[in-house]
Amino acid sequence: MTRLGNRTVLAVGQFSALRLLNSHPAIETAGPINIDSERFAQFVAIAKRRHQASR
């Protein structure tokens, strides 16, 4: 996760990119995570509703 302005971002990429990411001076930590797909789907639905309501 990272902050971009006032937003927090979770970046998902290939496991093979970890070494490159961890050696980048602008990245503090990169590592594997587990995501509960059902809870993530709920989060995405909430985020979409909030985004549509803010338009």
C-alpha atoms as a PDB file:
ATOM      1  CA  MET A   1       0.000   0.000   0.000  1.00  0.00           C
ATOM      2  CA  THR A   2       1.104   3.525  -0.637  1.00  0.00           C
ATOM      3  CA  ARG A   3      -0.311   7.007  -0.362  1.00  0.00           C
ATOM      4  CA  LEU A   4      -0.885   9.065  -3.479  1.00  0.00           C
ATOM      5  CA  GLY A   5      -1.939  12.475  -2.279  1.00  0.00           C
ATOM      6  CA  ASN A   6      -4.838  11.840   0.074  1.00  0.00           C
ATOM      7  CA  ARG A   7      -5.421   8.295  -1.220  1.00  0.00           C
ATOM      8  CA  THR A   8      -4.014   4.959  -0.117  1.00  0.00           C
ATOM      9  CA  VAL A   9      -3.227   2.472  -2.869  1.00  0.00           C
ATOM     10  CA  LEU A  10      -2.729  -1.280  -2.754  1.00  0.00           C
ATOM     11  CA  ALA A  11      -0.699  -2.352  -5.761  1.00  0.00           C
ATOM     12  CA  VAL A  12      -0.963  -5.935  -6.969  1.00  0.00           C
ATOM     13  CA  GLY A  13       1.711  -7.401  -9.190  1.00  0.00           C
ATOM     14  CA  GLN A  14       3.638 -10.514 -10.011  1.00  0.00           C
ATOM     15  CA  PHE A  15       5.598 -12.182  -7.230  1.00  0.00           C
ATOM     16  CA  SER A  16       8.707 -12.131  -9.436  1.00  0.00           C
ATOM     17  CA  ALA A  17       8.778  -8.309  -9.233  1.00  0.00           C
ATOM     18  CA  LEU A  18       9.378  -8.252  -5.443  1.00  0.00           C
ATOM     19  CA  ARG A  19      13.164  -8.097  -5.628  1.00  0.00           C
ATOM     20  CA  LEU A  20      13.062  -5.172  -8.047  1.00  0.00           C
ATOM     21  CA  LEU A  21      10.440  -3.345  -5.980  1.00  0.00           C
ATOM     22  CA  ASN A  22      12.315  -3.860  -2.709  1.00  0.00           C
ATOM     23  CA  SER A  23      15.493  -2.421  -4.232  1.00  0.00           C
ATOM     24  CA  HIS A  24      13.733   0.777  -5.414  1.00  0.00           C
ATOM     25  CA  PRO A  25      14.588   3.765  -3.163  1.00  0.00           C
ATOM     26  CA  ALA A  26      11.016   5.141  -3.224  1.00  0.00           C
ATOM     27  CA  ILE A  27       9.461   1.894  -1.950  1.00  0.00           C
ATOM     28  CA  GLU A  28       9.679   1.172   1.744  1.00  0.00           C
ATOM     29  CA  THR A  29       8.319  -2.407   1.745  1.00  0.00           C
ATOM     30  CA  ALA A  30       6.998  -4.851  -0.832  1.00  0.00           C
ATOM     31  CA  GLY A  31       5.855  -8.338   0.046  1.00  0.00           C
ATOM     32  CA  PRO A  32       3.242 -10.996  -0.481  1.00  0.00           C
ATOM     33  CA  ILE A  33      -0.226 -10.625   1.016  1.00  0.00           C
ATOM     34  CA  ASN A  34      -3.354 -12.751   1.189  1.00  0.00           C
ATOM     35  CA  ILE A  35      -6.662 -11.232   0.148  1.00  0.00           C
ATOM     36  CA  ASP A  36     -10.064 -12.598   1.157  1.00  0.00           C
ATOM     37  CA  SER A  37     -11.790 -12.448  -2.234  1.00  0.00           C
ATOM     38  CA  GLU A  38     -15.298 -12.054  -0.769  1.00  0.00           C
ATOM     39  CA  ARG A  39     -14.318  -9.165   1.502  1.00  0.00           C
ATOM     40  CA  PHE A  40     -12.343  -7.556  -1.322  1.00  0.00           C
ATOM     41  CA  ALA A  41     -15.402  -7.765  -3.614  1.00  0.00           C
ATOM     42  CA  GLN A  42     -17.474  -6.062  -0.894  1.00  0.00           C
ATOM     43  CA  PHE A  43     -14.849  -3.315  -0.604  1.00  0.00           C
ATOM     44  CA  VAL A  44     -14.858  -2.763  -4.378  1.00  0.00           C
ATOM     45  CA  ALA A  45     -18.655  -2.504  -4.419  1.00  0.00           C
ATOM     46  CA  ILE A  46     -18.609   0.080  -1.614  1.00  0.00           C
ATOM     47  CA  ALA A  47     -15.822   2.060  -3.296  1.00  0.00           C
ATOM     48  CA  LYS A  48     -17.747   2.118  -6.601  1.00  0.00           C
ATOM     49  CA  ARG A  49     -20.907   3.361  -4.895  1.00  0.00           C
ATOM     50  CA  ARG A  50     -18.982   6.118  -3.099  1.00  0.00           C
ATOM     51  CA  HIS A  51     -17.237   7.123  -6.296  1.00  0.00           C
ATOM     52  CA  GLN A  52     -20.521   7.293  -8.230  1.00  0.00           C
ATOM     53  CA  ALA A  53     -22.184   9.273  -5.416  1.00  0.00           C
ATOM     54  CA  SER A  54     -19.324  11.811  -5.398  1.00  0.00           C
ATOM     55  CA  ARG A  55     -19.782  12.701  -9.062  1.00  0.00           C
END
